[in-house]
Amino acid sequence: EFIDDWYQQLFDTQPHKNESKRAKLALEYTRMLLIDKQY
């Protein structure tokens, strides 16, 4: 439930039913922090 809310706030959309919310959040934060250096 917490992950669903976090996902919705970050991506401004509900996750797709079969989508791995945690993996997509992990990928987005990896990009944000390691590539874009937005810390």
Full PDB file with SEQRES, HELIX, SHEET, SSBOND, CRYST1, ORIGX, SCALE, CONECT and MASTER records, all heavy atoms in Angstrom:
SEQRES   1 A   39  GLU PHE ILE ASP ASP TRP TYR GLN GLN LEU PHE ASP THR          
SEQRES   2 A   39  GLN PRO HIS LYS ASN GLU SER LYS ARG ALA LYS LEU ALA          
SEQRES   3 A   39  LEU GLU TYR THR ARG MET LEU LEU ILE ASP LYS GLN TYR          
HELIX    1 AA1 PHE A    2  PHE A   11  1                                  10    
HELIX    2 AA2 LYS A   21  THR A   30  1                                  10    
HELIX    3 AA3 ARG A   31  ILE A   35  3                                   5    
CRYST1    1.000    1.000    1.000  90.00  90.00  90.00 P 1           1          
ORIGX1      1.000000  0.000000  0.000000        0.00000                         
ORIGX2      0.000000  1.000000  0.000000        0.00000                         
ORIGX3      0.000000  0.000000  1.000000        0.00000                         
SCALE1      1.000000  0.000000  0.000000        0.00000                         
SCALE2      0.000000  1.000000  0.000000        0.00000                         
SCALE3      0.000000  0.000000  1.000000        0.00000                         
ATOM      1  N   GLU A   1       0.835  -1.207   0.000  1.00  0.00           N  
ATOM      2  CA  GLU A   1       0.000   0.000   0.000  1.00  0.00           C  
ATOM      3  C   GLU A   1       0.871   1.259   0.000  1.00  0.00           C  
ATOM      4  O   GLU A   1       0.622   2.210  -0.737  1.00  0.00           O  
ATOM      5  CB  GLU A   1      -0.930  -0.004   1.215  1.00  0.00           C  
ATOM      6  CG  GLU A   1      -1.925   1.132   1.230  1.00  0.00           C  
ATOM      7  CD  GLU A   1      -2.866   1.047   2.422  1.00  0.00           C  
ATOM      8  OE1 GLU A   1      -3.320  -0.070   2.749  1.00  0.00           O  
ATOM      9  OE2 GLU A   1      -3.130   2.110   3.014  1.00  0.00           O  
ATOM     10  N   PHE A   2       1.896   1.265   0.829  1.00  0.00           N  
ATOM     11  CA  PHE A   2       2.816   2.402   0.874  1.00  0.00           C  
ATOM     12  C   PHE A   2       3.523   2.563  -0.476  1.00  0.00           C  
ATOM     13  O   PHE A   2       3.651   3.669  -0.991  1.00  0.00           O  
ATOM     14  CB  PHE A   2       3.838   2.216   2.001  1.00  0.00           C  
ATOM     15  CG  PHE A   2       4.744   3.408   2.177  1.00  0.00           C  
ATOM     16  CD1 PHE A   2       4.387   4.435   3.034  1.00  0.00           C  
ATOM     17  CD2 PHE A   2       5.949   3.505   1.489  1.00  0.00           C  
ATOM     18  CE1 PHE A   2       5.217   5.550   3.199  1.00  0.00           C  
ATOM     19  CE2 PHE A   2       6.776   4.610   1.655  1.00  0.00           C  
ATOM     20  CZ  PHE A   2       6.410   5.632   2.509  1.00  0.00           C  
ATOM     21  N   ILE A   3       3.973   1.447  -1.048  1.00  0.00           N  
ATOM     22  CA  ILE A   3       4.669   1.472  -2.335  1.00  0.00           C  
ATOM     23  C   ILE A   3       3.746   1.980  -3.437  1.00  0.00           C  
ATOM     24  O   ILE A   3       4.149   2.771  -4.291  1.00  0.00           O  
ATOM     25  CB  ILE A   3       5.245   0.081  -2.679  1.00  0.00           C  
ATOM     26  CG1 ILE A   3       6.367  -0.294  -1.703  1.00  0.00           C  
ATOM     27  CG2 ILE A   3       5.729   0.014  -4.129  1.00  0.00           C  
ATOM     28  CD1 ILE A   3       7.567   0.629  -1.700  1.00  0.00           C  
ATOM     29  N   ASP A   4       2.473   1.561  -3.427  1.00  0.00           N  
ATOM     30  CA  ASP A   4       1.503   2.055  -4.415  1.00  0.00           C  
ATOM     31  C   ASP A   4       1.379   3.573  -4.341  1.00  0.00           C  
ATOM     32  O   ASP A   4       1.370   4.261  -5.367  1.00  0.00           O  
ATOM     33  CB  ASP A   4       0.120   1.425  -4.196  1.00  0.00           C  
ATOM     34  CG  ASP A   4       0.050  -0.024  -4.641  1.00  0.00           C  
ATOM     35  OD1 ASP A   4       0.980  -0.491  -5.328  1.00  0.00           O  
ATOM     36  OD2 ASP A   4      -0.939  -0.688  -4.285  1.00  0.00           O  
ATOM     37  N   ASP A   5       1.294   4.104  -3.128  1.00  0.00           N  
ATOM     38  CA  ASP A   5       1.163   5.549  -2.934  1.00  0.00           C  
ATOM     39  C   ASP A   5       2.427   6.276  -3.395  1.00  0.00           C  
ATOM     40  O   ASP A   5       2.368   7.295  -4.083  1.00  0.00           O  
ATOM     41  CB  ASP A   5       0.865   5.852  -1.463  1.00  0.00           C  
ATOM     42  CG  ASP A   5       0.676   7.344  -1.220  1.00  0.00           C  
ATOM     43  OD1 ASP A   5      -0.193   7.952  -1.872  1.00  0.00           O  
ATOM     44  OD2 ASP A   5       1.406   7.892  -0.369  1.00  0.00           O  
ATOM     45  N   TRP A   6       3.583   5.745  -3.022  1.00  0.00           N  
ATOM     46  CA  TRP A   6       4.869   6.322  -3.409  1.00  0.00           C  
ATOM     47  C   TRP A   6       4.979   6.351  -4.935  1.00  0.00           C  
ATOM     48  O   TRP A   6       5.349   7.357  -5.537  1.00  0.00           O  
ATOM     49  CB  TRP A   6       5.984   5.495  -2.787  1.00  0.00           C  
ATOM     50  CG  TRP A   6       7.373   6.045  -2.857  1.00  0.00           C  
ATOM     51  CD1 TRP A   6       7.808   7.159  -3.521  1.00  0.00           C  
ATOM     52  CD2 TRP A   6       8.528   5.489  -2.232  1.00  0.00           C  
ATOM     53  NE1 TRP A   6       9.160   7.321  -3.346  1.00  0.00           N  
ATOM     54  CE2 TRP A   6       9.629   6.318  -2.568  1.00  0.00           C  
ATOM     55  CE3 TRP A   6       8.742   4.378  -1.433  1.00  0.00           C  
ATOM     56  CZ2 TRP A   6      10.923   6.051  -2.122  1.00  0.00           C  
ATOM     57  CZ3 TRP A   6      10.029   4.119  -0.986  1.00  0.00           C  
ATOM     58  CH2 TRP A   6      11.101   4.951  -1.322  1.00  0.00           C  
ATOM     59  N   TYR A   7       4.641   5.234  -5.574  1.00  0.00           N  
ATOM     60  CA  TYR A   7       4.695   5.120  -7.030  1.00  0.00           C  
ATOM     61  C   TYR A   7       3.777   6.158  -7.681  1.00  0.00           C  
ATOM     62  O   TYR A   7       4.162   6.862  -8.612  1.00  0.00           O  
ATOM     63  CB  TYR A   7       4.267   3.708  -7.436  1.00  0.00           C  
ATOM     64  CG  TYR A   7       4.364   3.419  -8.914  1.00  0.00           C  
ATOM     65  CD1 TYR A   7       5.431   2.694  -9.422  1.00  0.00           C  
ATOM     66  CD2 TYR A   7       3.389   3.852  -9.803  1.00  0.00           C  
ATOM     67  CE1 TYR A   7       5.529   2.411 -10.778  1.00  0.00           C  
ATOM     68  CE2 TYR A   7       3.481   3.581 -11.154  1.00  0.00           C  
ATOM     69  CZ  TYR A   7       4.552   2.860 -11.634  1.00  0.00           C  
ATOM     70  OH  TYR A   7       4.635   2.597 -12.969  1.00  0.00           O  
ATOM     71  N   GLN A   8       2.561   6.252  -7.166  1.00  0.00           N  
ATOM     72  CA  GLN A   8       1.587   7.177  -7.739  1.00  0.00           C  
ATOM     73  C   GLN A   8       2.065   8.623  -7.609  1.00  0.00           C  
ATOM     74  O   GLN A   8       1.929   9.414  -8.534  1.00  0.00           O  
ATOM     75  CB  GLN A   8       0.222   7.009  -7.081  1.00  0.00           C  
ATOM     76  CG  GLN A   8      -0.848   7.867  -7.721  1.00  0.00           C  
ATOM     77  CD  GLN A   8      -2.228   7.574  -7.173  1.00  0.00           C  
ATOM     78  OE1 GLN A   8      -2.399   6.709  -6.330  1.00  0.00           O  
ATOM     79  NE2 GLN A   8      -3.205   8.297  -7.652  1.00  0.00           N  
ATOM     80  N   GLN A   9       2.634   8.973  -6.481  1.00  0.00           N  
ATOM     81  CA  GLN A   9       3.126  10.344  -6.303  1.00  0.00           C  
ATOM     82  C   GLN A   9       4.328  10.642  -7.193  1.00  0.00           C  
ATOM     83  O   GLN A   9       4.439  11.737  -7.744  1.00  0.00           O  
ATOM     84  CB  GLN A   9       3.484  10.590  -4.842  1.00  0.00           C  
ATOM     85  CG  GLN A   9       2.270  10.705  -3.949  1.00  0.00           C  
ATOM     86  CD  GLN A   9       2.663  11.067  -2.536  1.00  0.00           C  
ATOM     87  OE1 GLN A   9       3.565  11.870  -2.321  1.00  0.00           O  
ATOM     88  NE2 GLN A   9       1.996  10.470  -1.571  1.00  0.00           N  
ATOM     89  N   LEU A  10       5.229   9.675  -7.351  1.00  0.00           N  
ATOM     90  CA  LEU A  10       6.424   9.901  -8.153  1.00  0.00           C  
ATOM     91  C   LEU A  10       6.109   9.955  -9.646  1.00  0.00           C  
ATOM     92  O   LEU A  10       6.591  10.817 -10.360  1.00  0.00           O  
ATOM     93  CB  LEU A  10       7.466   8.813  -7.881  1.00  0.00           C  
ATOM     94  CG  LEU A  10       8.811   8.996  -8.578  1.00  0.00           C  
ATOM     95  CD1 LEU A  10       9.508  10.252  -8.069  1.00  0.00           C  
ATOM     96  CD2 LEU A  10       9.692   7.792  -8.344  1.00  0.00           C  
ATOM     97  N   PHE A  11       5.270   9.028 -10.114  1.00  0.00           N  
ATOM     98  CA  PHE A  11       4.999   8.927 -11.549  1.00  0.00           C  
ATOM     99  C   PHE A  11       3.670   9.558 -11.961  1.00  0.00           C  
ATOM    100  O   PHE A  11       3.343   9.579 -13.135  1.00  0.00           O  
ATOM    101  CB  PHE A  11       5.031   7.461 -11.987  1.00  0.00           C  
ATOM    102  CG  PHE A  11       6.378   6.833 -11.825  1.00  0.00           C  
ATOM    103  CD1 PHE A  11       6.582   5.851 -10.877  1.00  0.00           C  
ATOM    104  CD2 PHE A  11       7.460   7.233 -12.606  1.00  0.00           C  
ATOM    105  CE1 PHE A  11       7.828   5.262 -10.717  1.00  0.00           C  
ATOM    106  CE2 PHE A  11       8.705   6.658 -12.446  1.00  0.00           C  
ATOM    107  CZ  PHE A  11       8.894   5.672 -11.505  1.00  0.00           C  
ATOM    108  N   ASP A  12       2.905  10.032 -11.008  1.00  0.00           N  
ATOM    109  CA  ASP A  12       1.614  10.658 -11.263  1.00  0.00           C  
ATOM    110  C   ASP A  12       0.667   9.737 -12.038  1.00  0.00           C  
ATOM    111  O   ASP A  12      -0.081  10.174 -12.904  1.00  0.00           O  
ATOM    112  CB  ASP A  12       1.794  11.990 -12.002  1.00  0.00           C  
ATOM    113  CG  ASP A  12       0.552  12.873 -11.906  1.00  0.00           C  
ATOM    114  OD1 ASP A  12      -0.190  12.738 -10.914  1.00  0.00           O  
ATOM    115  OD2 ASP A  12       0.330  13.675 -12.830  1.00  0.00           O  
ATOM    116  N   THR A  13       0.729   8.453 -11.746  1.00  0.00           N  
ATOM    117  CA  THR A  13      -0.144   7.469 -12.375  1.00  0.00           C  
ATOM    118  C   THR A  13      -0.199   6.216 -11.510  1.00  0.00           C  
ATOM    119  O   THR A  13       0.707   5.968 -10.716  1.00  0.00           O  
ATOM    120  CB  THR A  13       0.355   7.109 -13.793  1.00  0.00           C  
ATOM    121  OG1 THR A  13      -0.573   6.225 -14.397  1.00  0.00           O  
ATOM    122  CG2 THR A  13       1.722   6.477 -13.781  1.00  0.00           C  
ATOM    123  N   GLN A  14      -1.240   5.442 -11.667  1.00  0.00           N  
ATOM    124  CA  GLN A  14      -1.338   4.154 -10.970  1.00  0.00           C  
ATOM    125  C   GLN A  14      -0.449   3.144 -11.693  1.00  0.00           C  
ATOM    126  O   GLN A  14      -0.355   3.175 -12.927  1.00  0.00           O  
ATOM    127  CB  GLN A  14      -2.787   3.646 -10.993  1.00  0.00           C  
ATOM    128  CG  GLN A  14      -3.726   4.399 -10.091  1.00  0.00           C  
ATOM    129  CD  GLN A  14      -3.503   4.054  -8.615  1.00  0.00           C  
ATOM    130  OE1 GLN A  14      -2.825   3.109  -8.267  1.00  0.00           O  
ATOM    131  NE2 GLN A  14      -4.078   4.866  -7.764  1.00  0.00           N  
ATOM    132  N   PRO A  15       0.183   2.241 -10.972  1.00  0.00           N  
ATOM    133  CA  PRO A  15       0.991   1.219 -11.650  1.00  0.00           C  
ATOM    134  C   PRO A  15       0.090   0.229 -12.388  1.00  0.00           C  
ATOM    135  O   PRO A  15      -1.050  -0.009 -11.998  1.00  0.00           O  
ATOM    136  CB  PRO A  15       1.730   0.536 -10.501  1.00  0.00           C  
ATOM    137  CG  PRO A  15       0.950   0.842  -9.286  1.00  0.00           C  
ATOM    138  CD  PRO A  15       0.241   2.142  -9.531  1.00  0.00           C  
ATOM    139  N   HIS A  16       0.619  -0.323 -13.474  1.00  0.00           N  
ATOM    140  CA  HIS A  16      -0.103  -1.370 -14.194  1.00  0.00           C  
ATOM    141  C   HIS A  16      -0.142  -2.613 -13.326  1.00  0.00           C  
ATOM    142  O   HIS A  16       0.754  -2.849 -12.510  1.00  0.00           O  
ATOM    143  CB  HIS A  16       0.558  -1.675 -15.533  1.00  0.00           C  
ATOM    144  CG  HIS A  16       0.577  -0.490 -16.444  1.00  0.00           C  
ATOM    145  ND1 HIS A  16      -0.559   0.064 -16.974  1.00  0.00           N  
ATOM    146  CD2 HIS A  16       1.613   0.251 -16.907  1.00  0.00           C  
ATOM    147  CE1 HIS A  16      -0.232   1.090 -17.733  1.00  0.00           C  
ATOM    148  NE2 HIS A  16       1.086   1.244 -17.695  1.00  0.00           N  
ATOM    149  N   LYS A  17      -1.164  -3.423 -13.496  1.00  0.00           N  
ATOM    150  CA  LYS A  17      -1.391  -4.573 -12.626  1.00  0.00           C  
ATOM    151  C   LYS A  17      -0.194  -5.521 -12.559  1.00  0.00           C  
ATOM    152  O   LYS A  17       0.178  -5.970 -11.489  1.00  0.00           O  
ATOM    153  CB  LYS A  17      -2.647  -5.329 -13.101  1.00  0.00           C  
ATOM    154  CG  LYS A  17      -3.222  -6.243 -12.081  1.00  0.00           C  
ATOM    155  CD  LYS A  17      -4.549  -6.783 -12.546  1.00  0.00           C  
ATOM    156  CE  LYS A  17      -5.363  -7.214 -11.345  1.00  0.00           C  
ATOM    157  NZ  LYS A  17      -6.714  -7.569 -11.682  1.00  0.00           N  
ATOM    158  N   ASN A  18       0.415  -5.823 -13.704  1.00  0.00           N  
ATOM    159  CA  ASN A  18       1.504  -6.797 -13.732  1.00  0.00           C  
ATOM    160  C   ASN A  18       2.892  -6.169 -13.611  1.00  0.00           C  
ATOM    161  O   ASN A  18       3.890  -6.853 -13.700  1.00  0.00           O  
ATOM    162  CB  ASN A  18       1.427  -7.628 -15.023  1.00  0.00           C  
ATOM    163  CG  ASN A  18       0.168  -8.445 -15.068  1.00  0.00           C  
ATOM    164  OD1 ASN A  18      -0.317  -8.901 -14.038  1.00  0.00           O  
ATOM    165  ND2 ASN A  18      -0.383  -8.629 -16.256  1.00  0.00           N  
ATOM    166  N   GLU A  19       2.929  -4.872 -13.419  1.00  0.00           N  
ATOM    167  CA  GLU A  19       4.197  -4.156 -13.357  1.00  0.00           C  
ATOM    168  C   GLU A  19       4.837  -4.312 -11.973  1.00  0.00           C  
ATOM    169  O   GLU A  19       4.160  -4.292 -10.954  1.00  0.00           O  
ATOM    170  CB  GLU A  19       3.927  -2.682 -13.638  1.00  0.00           C  
ATOM    171  CG  GLU A  19       5.148  -1.836 -13.714  1.00  0.00           C  
ATOM    172  CD  GLU A  19       4.792  -0.415 -14.114  1.00  0.00           C  
ATOM    173  OE1 GLU A  19       3.762   0.112 -13.668  1.00  0.00           O  
ATOM    174  OE2 GLU A  19       5.558   0.163 -14.875  1.00  0.00           O  
ATOM    175  N   SER A  20       6.147  -4.441 -11.944  1.00  0.00           N  
ATOM    176  CA  SER A  20       6.845  -4.482 -10.672  1.00  0.00           C  
ATOM    177  C   SER A  20       7.093  -3.047 -10.204  1.00  0.00           C  
ATOM    178  O   SER A  20       7.992  -2.367 -10.701  1.00  0.00           O  
ATOM    179  CB  SER A  20       8.174  -5.217 -10.794  1.00  0.00           C  
ATOM    180  OG  SER A  20       8.903  -5.076  -9.591  1.00  0.00           O  
ATOM    181  N   LYS A  21       6.267  -2.605  -9.272  1.00  0.00           N  
ATOM    182  CA  LYS A  21       6.374  -1.233  -8.763  1.00  0.00           C  
ATOM    183  C   LYS A  21       7.725  -1.007  -8.102  1.00  0.00           C  
ATOM    184  O   LYS A  21       8.353   0.029  -8.298  1.00  0.00           O  
ATOM    185  CB  LYS A  21       5.246  -0.945  -7.776  1.00  0.00           C  
ATOM    186  CG  LYS A  21       3.860  -1.041  -8.378  1.00  0.00           C  
ATOM    187  CD  LYS A  21       2.820  -1.028  -7.305  1.00  0.00           C  
ATOM    188  CE  LYS A  21       2.875  -2.334  -6.589  1.00  0.00           C  
ATOM    189  NZ  LYS A  21       1.666  -3.060  -6.405  1.00  0.00           N  
ATOM    190  N   ARG A  22       8.150  -1.961  -7.326  1.00  0.00           N  
ATOM    191  CA  ARG A  22       9.418  -1.808  -6.611  1.00  0.00           C  
ATOM    192  C   ARG A  22      10.591  -1.704  -7.579  1.00  0.00           C  
ATOM    193  O   ARG A  22      11.469  -0.868  -7.414  1.00  0.00           O  
ATOM    194  CB  ARG A  22       9.601  -2.952  -5.632  1.00  0.00           C  
ATOM    195  CG  ARG A  22       8.745  -2.808  -4.408  1.00  0.00           C  
ATOM    196  CD  ARG A  22       8.930  -3.984  -3.445  1.00  0.00           C  
ATOM    197  NE  ARG A  22       8.308  -3.707  -2.176  1.00  0.00           N  
ATOM    198  CZ  ARG A  22       7.004  -3.848  -1.925  1.00  0.00           C  
ATOM    199  NH1 ARG A  22       6.197  -4.258  -2.882  1.00  0.00           N  
ATOM    200  NH2 ARG A  22       6.514  -3.573  -0.730  1.00  0.00           N  
ATOM    201  N   ALA A  23      10.598  -2.534  -8.608  1.00  0.00           N  
ATOM    202  CA  ALA A  23      11.692  -2.489  -9.584  1.00  0.00           C  
ATOM    203  C   ALA A  23      11.697  -1.155 -10.328  1.00  0.00           C  
ATOM    204  O   ALA A  23      12.759  -0.578 -10.566  1.00  0.00           O  
ATOM    205  CB  ALA A  23      11.569  -3.649 -10.565  1.00  0.00           C  
ATOM    206  N   LYS A  24      10.528  -0.644 -10.688  1.00  0.00           N  
ATOM    207  CA  LYS A  24      10.467   0.628 -11.400  1.00  0.00           C  
ATOM    208  C   LYS A  24      10.907   1.784 -10.494  1.00  0.00           C  
ATOM    209  O   LYS A  24      11.607   2.696 -10.935  1.00  0.00           O  
ATOM    210  CB  LYS A  24       9.066   0.877 -11.948  1.00  0.00           C  
ATOM    211  CG  LYS A  24       9.037   2.060 -12.887  1.00  0.00           C  
ATOM    212  CD  LYS A  24       7.814   2.122 -13.739  1.00  0.00           C  
ATOM    213  CE  LYS A  24       7.891   3.341 -14.653  1.00  0.00           C  
ATOM    214  NZ  LYS A  24       6.696   3.575 -15.396  1.00  0.00           N  
ATOM    215  N   LEU A  25      10.512   1.748  -9.214  1.00  0.00           N  
ATOM    216  CA  LEU A  25      10.979   2.767  -8.273  1.00  0.00           C  
ATOM    217  C   LEU A  25      12.499   2.690  -8.111  1.00  0.00           C  
ATOM    218  O   LEU A  25      13.177   3.717  -8.122  1.00  0.00           O  
ATOM    219  CB  LEU A  25      10.298   2.601  -6.910  1.00  0.00           C  
ATOM    220  CG  LEU A  25       8.859   3.087  -6.793  1.00  0.00           C  
ATOM    221  CD1 LEU A  25       8.249   2.615  -5.472  1.00  0.00           C  
ATOM    222  CD2 LEU A  25       8.781   4.597  -6.898  1.00  0.00           C  
ATOM    223  N   ALA A  26      13.021   1.484  -7.973  1.00  0.00           N  
ATOM    224  CA  ALA A  26      14.467   1.306  -7.825  1.00  0.00           C  
ATOM    225  C   ALA A  26      15.206   1.840  -9.050  1.00  0.00           C  
ATOM    226  O   ALA A  26      16.226   2.534  -8.927  1.00  0.00           O  
ATOM    227  CB  ALA A  26      14.804  -0.165  -7.598  1.00  0.00           C  
ATOM    228  N   LEU A  27      14.688   1.559 -10.239  1.00  0.00           N  
ATOM    229  CA  LEU A  27      15.302   2.043 -11.471  1.00  0.00           C  
ATOM    230  C   LEU A  27      15.272   3.573 -11.544  1.00  0.00           C  
ATOM    231  O   LEU A  27      16.266   4.215 -11.890  1.00  0.00           O  
ATOM    232  CB  LEU A  27      14.584   1.433 -12.681  1.00  0.00           C  
ATOM    233  CG  LEU A  27      15.163   1.777 -14.043  1.00  0.00           C  
ATOM    234  CD1 LEU A  27      16.578   1.242 -14.180  1.00  0.00           C  
ATOM    235  CD2 LEU A  27      14.275   1.184 -15.134  1.00  0.00           C  
ATOM    236  N   GLU A  28      14.133   4.166 -11.176  1.00  0.00           N  
ATOM    237  CA  GLU A  28      14.003   5.618 -11.231  1.00  0.00           C  
ATOM    238  C   GLU A  28      14.961   6.297 -10.241  1.00  0.00           C  
ATOM    239  O   GLU A  28      15.608   7.282 -10.566  1.00  0.00           O  
ATOM    240  CB  GLU A  28      12.560   6.034 -10.928  1.00  0.00           C  
ATOM    241  CG  GLU A  28      12.335   7.520 -10.954  1.00  0.00           C  
ATOM    242  CD  GLU A  28      12.567   8.187 -12.310  1.00  0.00           C  
ATOM    243  OE1 GLU A  28      12.619   7.480 -13.334  1.00  0.00           O  
ATOM    244  OE2 GLU A  28      12.717   9.428 -12.342  1.00  0.00           O  
ATOM    245  N   TYR A  29      15.059   5.754  -9.023  1.00  0.00           N  
ATOM    246  CA  TYR A  29      15.974   6.355  -8.048  1.00  0.00           C  
ATOM    247  C   TYR A  29      17.434   6.133  -8.435  1.00  0.00           C  
ATOM    248  O   TYR A  29      18.286   6.979  -8.177  1.00  0.00           O  
ATOM    249  CB  TYR A  29      15.677   5.864  -6.637  1.00  0.00           C  
ATOM    250  CG  TYR A  29      14.520   6.613  -6.037  1.00  0.00           C  
ATOM    251  CD1 TYR A  29      13.260   6.058  -5.966  1.00  0.00           C  
ATOM    252  CD2 TYR A  29      14.678   7.923  -5.601  1.00  0.00           C  
ATOM    253  CE1 TYR A  29      12.182   6.768  -5.450  1.00  0.00           C  
ATOM    254  CE2 TYR A  29      13.612   8.650  -5.092  1.00  0.00           C  
ATOM    255  CZ  TYR A  29      12.374   8.059  -5.018  1.00  0.00           C  
ATOM    256  OH  TYR A  29      11.326   8.784  -4.515  1.00  0.00           O  
ATOM    257  N   THR A  30      17.741   5.013  -9.069  1.00  0.00           N  
ATOM    258  CA  THR A  30      19.100   4.779  -9.556  1.00  0.00           C  
ATOM    259  C   THR A  30      19.459   5.830 -10.604  1.00  0.00           C  
ATOM    260  O   THR A  30      20.528   6.439 -10.560  1.00  0.00           O  
ATOM    261  CB  THR A  30      19.240   3.363 -10.144  1.00  0.00           C  
ATOM    262  OG1 THR A  30      18.947   2.411  -9.116  1.00  0.00           O  
ATOM    263  CG2 THR A  30      20.641   3.125 -10.678  1.00  0.00           C  
ATOM    264  N   ARG A  31      18.547   6.068 -11.545  1.00  0.00           N  
ATOM    265  CA  ARG A  31      18.780   7.081 -12.569  1.00  0.00           C  
ATOM    266  C   ARG A  31      18.916   8.466 -11.923  1.00  0.00           C  
ATOM    267  O   ARG A  31      19.844   9.214 -12.213  1.00  0.00           O  
ATOM    268  CB  ARG A  31      17.629   7.107 -13.592  1.00  0.00           C  
ATOM    269  CG  ARG A  31      17.866   8.125 -14.719  1.00  0.00           C  
ATOM    270  CD  ARG A  31      16.607   8.464 -15.484  1.00  0.00           C  
ATOM    271  NE  ARG A  31      15.532   8.989 -14.654  1.00  0.00           N  
ATOM    272  CZ  ARG A  31      15.488  10.224 -14.134  1.00  0.00           C  
ATOM    273  NH1 ARG A  31      16.484  11.060 -14.324  1.00  0.00           N  
ATOM    274  NH2 ARG A  31      14.468  10.625 -13.406  1.00  0.00           N  
ATOM    275  N   MET A  32      17.991   8.764 -11.015  1.00  0.00           N  
ATOM    276  CA  MET A  32      17.959  10.082 -10.384  1.00  0.00           C  
ATOM    277  C   MET A  32      19.247  10.362  -9.607  1.00  0.00           C  
ATOM    278  O   MET A  32      19.813  11.453  -9.694  1.00  0.00           O  
ATOM    279  CB  MET A  32      16.755  10.158  -9.437  1.00  0.00           C  
ATOM    280  CG  MET A  32      16.509  11.496  -8.804  1.00  0.00           C  
ATOM    281  SD  MET A  32      15.150  11.453  -7.599  1.00  0.00           S  
ATOM    282  CE  MET A  32      13.801  10.776  -8.537  1.00  0.00           C  
ATOM    283  N   LEU A  33      19.718   9.376  -8.874  1.00  0.00           N  
ATOM    284  CA  LEU A  33      20.865   9.602  -7.992  1.00  0.00           C  
ATOM    285  C   LEU A  33      22.212   9.346  -8.663  1.00  0.00           C  
ATOM    286  O   LEU A  33      23.130  10.155  -8.527  1.00  0.00           O  
ATOM    287  CB  LEU A  33      20.734   8.749  -6.734  1.00  0.00           C  
ATOM    288  CG  LEU A  33      19.653   9.258  -5.770  1.00  0.00           C  
ATOM    289  CD1 LEU A  33      19.228   8.187  -4.801  1.00  0.00           C  
ATOM    290  CD2 LEU A  33      20.163  10.484  -5.035  1.00  0.00           C  
ATOM    291  N   LEU A  34      22.363   8.232  -9.366  1.00  0.00           N  
ATOM    292  CA  LEU A  34      23.681   7.901  -9.904  1.00  0.00           C  
ATOM    293  C   LEU A  34      23.966   8.544 -11.248  1.00  0.00           C  
ATOM    294  O   LEU A  34      25.116   8.837 -11.556  1.00  0.00           O  
ATOM    295  CB  LEU A  34      23.856   6.387 -10.009  1.00  0.00           C  
ATOM    296  CG  LEU A  34      23.896   5.657  -8.676  1.00  0.00           C  
ATOM    297  CD1 LEU A  34      24.177   4.182  -8.887  1.00  0.00           C  
ATOM    298  CD2 LEU A  34      24.914   6.262  -7.738  1.00  0.00           C  
ATOM    299  N   ILE A  35      22.949   8.791 -12.040  1.00  0.00           N  
ATOM    300  CA  ILE A  35      23.181   9.379 -13.353  1.00  0.00           C  
ATOM    301  C   ILE A  35      22.976  10.890 -13.316  1.00  0.00           C  
ATOM    302  O   ILE A  35      23.833  11.656 -13.731  1.00  0.00           O  
ATOM    303  CB  ILE A  35      22.291   8.707 -14.413  1.00  0.00           C  
ATOM    304  CG1 ILE A  35      22.703   7.233 -14.525  1.00  0.00           C  
ATOM    305  CG2 ILE A  35      22.385   9.412 -15.763  1.00  0.00           C  
ATOM    306  CD1 ILE A  35      21.799   6.364 -15.316  1.00  0.00           C  
ATOM    307  N   ASP A  36      21.842  11.329 -12.802  1.00  0.00           N  
ATOM    308  CA  ASP A  36      21.521  12.763 -12.785  1.00  0.00           C  
ATOM    309  C   ASP A  36      22.093  13.497 -11.573  1.00  0.00           C  
ATOM    310  O   ASP A  36      22.076  14.717 -11.529  1.00  0.00           O  
ATOM    311  CB  ASP A  36      20.003  12.973 -12.824  1.00  0.00           C  
ATOM    312  CG  ASP A  36      19.387  12.441 -14.100  1.00  0.00           C  
ATOM    313  OD1 ASP A  36      20.118  12.253 -15.091  1.00  0.00           O  
ATOM    314  OD2 ASP A  36      18.168  12.203 -14.110  1.00  0.00           O  
ATOM    315  N   LYS A  37      22.564  12.756 -10.571  1.00  0.00           N  
ATOM    316  CA  LYS A  37      23.151  13.325  -9.346  1.00  0.00           C  
ATOM    317  C   LYS A  37      22.185  14.263  -8.618  1.00  0.00           C  
ATOM    318  O   LYS A  37      22.572  15.287  -8.076  1.00  0.00           O  
ATOM    319  CB  LYS A  37      24.454  14.070  -9.654  1.00  0.00           C  
ATOM    320  CG  LYS A  37      25.490  13.274 -10.400  1.00  0.00           C  
ATOM    321  CD  LYS A  37      26.191  12.267  -9.530  1.00  0.00           C  
ATOM    322  CE  LYS A  37      27.366  11.634 -10.200  1.00  0.00           C  
ATOM    323  NZ  LYS A  37      27.144  10.335 -10.763  1.00  0.00           N  
ATOM    324  N   GLN A  38      20.903  13.903  -8.611  1.00  0.00           N  
ATOM    325  CA  GLN A  38      19.893  14.698  -7.916  1.00  0.00           C  
ATOM    326  C   GLN A  38      19.722  14.155  -6.489  1.00  0.00           C  
ATOM    327  O   GLN A  38      18.874  13.331  -6.231  1.00  0.00           O  
ATOM    328  CB  GLN A  38      18.553  14.622  -8.663  1.00  0.00           C  
ATOM    329  CG  GLN A  38      18.594  15.202 -10.038  1.00  0.00           C  
ATOM    330  CD  GLN A  38      17.283  14.989 -10.770  1.00  0.00           C  
ATOM    331  OE1 GLN A  38      16.390  14.305 -10.296  1.00  0.00           O  
ATOM    332  NE2 GLN A  38      17.178  15.573 -11.941  1.00  0.00           N  
ATOM    333  N   TYR A  39      20.545  14.644  -5.601  1.00  0.00           N  
ATOM    334  CA  TYR A  39      20.531  14.129  -4.232  1.00  0.00           C  
ATOM    335  C   TYR A  39      20.020  15.145  -3.218  1.00  0.00           C  
ATOM    336  O   TYR A  39      19.815  14.820  -2.052  1.00  0.00           O  
ATOM    337  CB  TYR A  39      21.940  13.690  -3.814  1.00  0.00           C  
ATOM    338  CG  TYR A  39      22.938  14.825  -3.815  1.00  0.00           C  
ATOM    339  CD1 TYR A  39      23.095  15.619  -2.699  1.00  0.00           C  
ATOM    340  CD2 TYR A  39      23.680  15.109  -4.943  1.00  0.00           C  
ATOM    341  CE1 TYR A  39      23.989  16.673  -2.709  1.00  0.00           C  
ATOM    342  CE2 TYR A  39      24.575  16.155  -4.964  1.00  0.00           C  
ATOM    343  CZ  TYR A  39      24.724  16.935  -3.836  1.00  0.00           C  
ATOM    344  OH  TYR A  39      25.600  17.982  -3.853  1.00  0.00           O  
TER     345      TYR A  39                                                      
MASTER        0    0    0    3    0    0    0    6  344    1    0    3          
END                                                                             
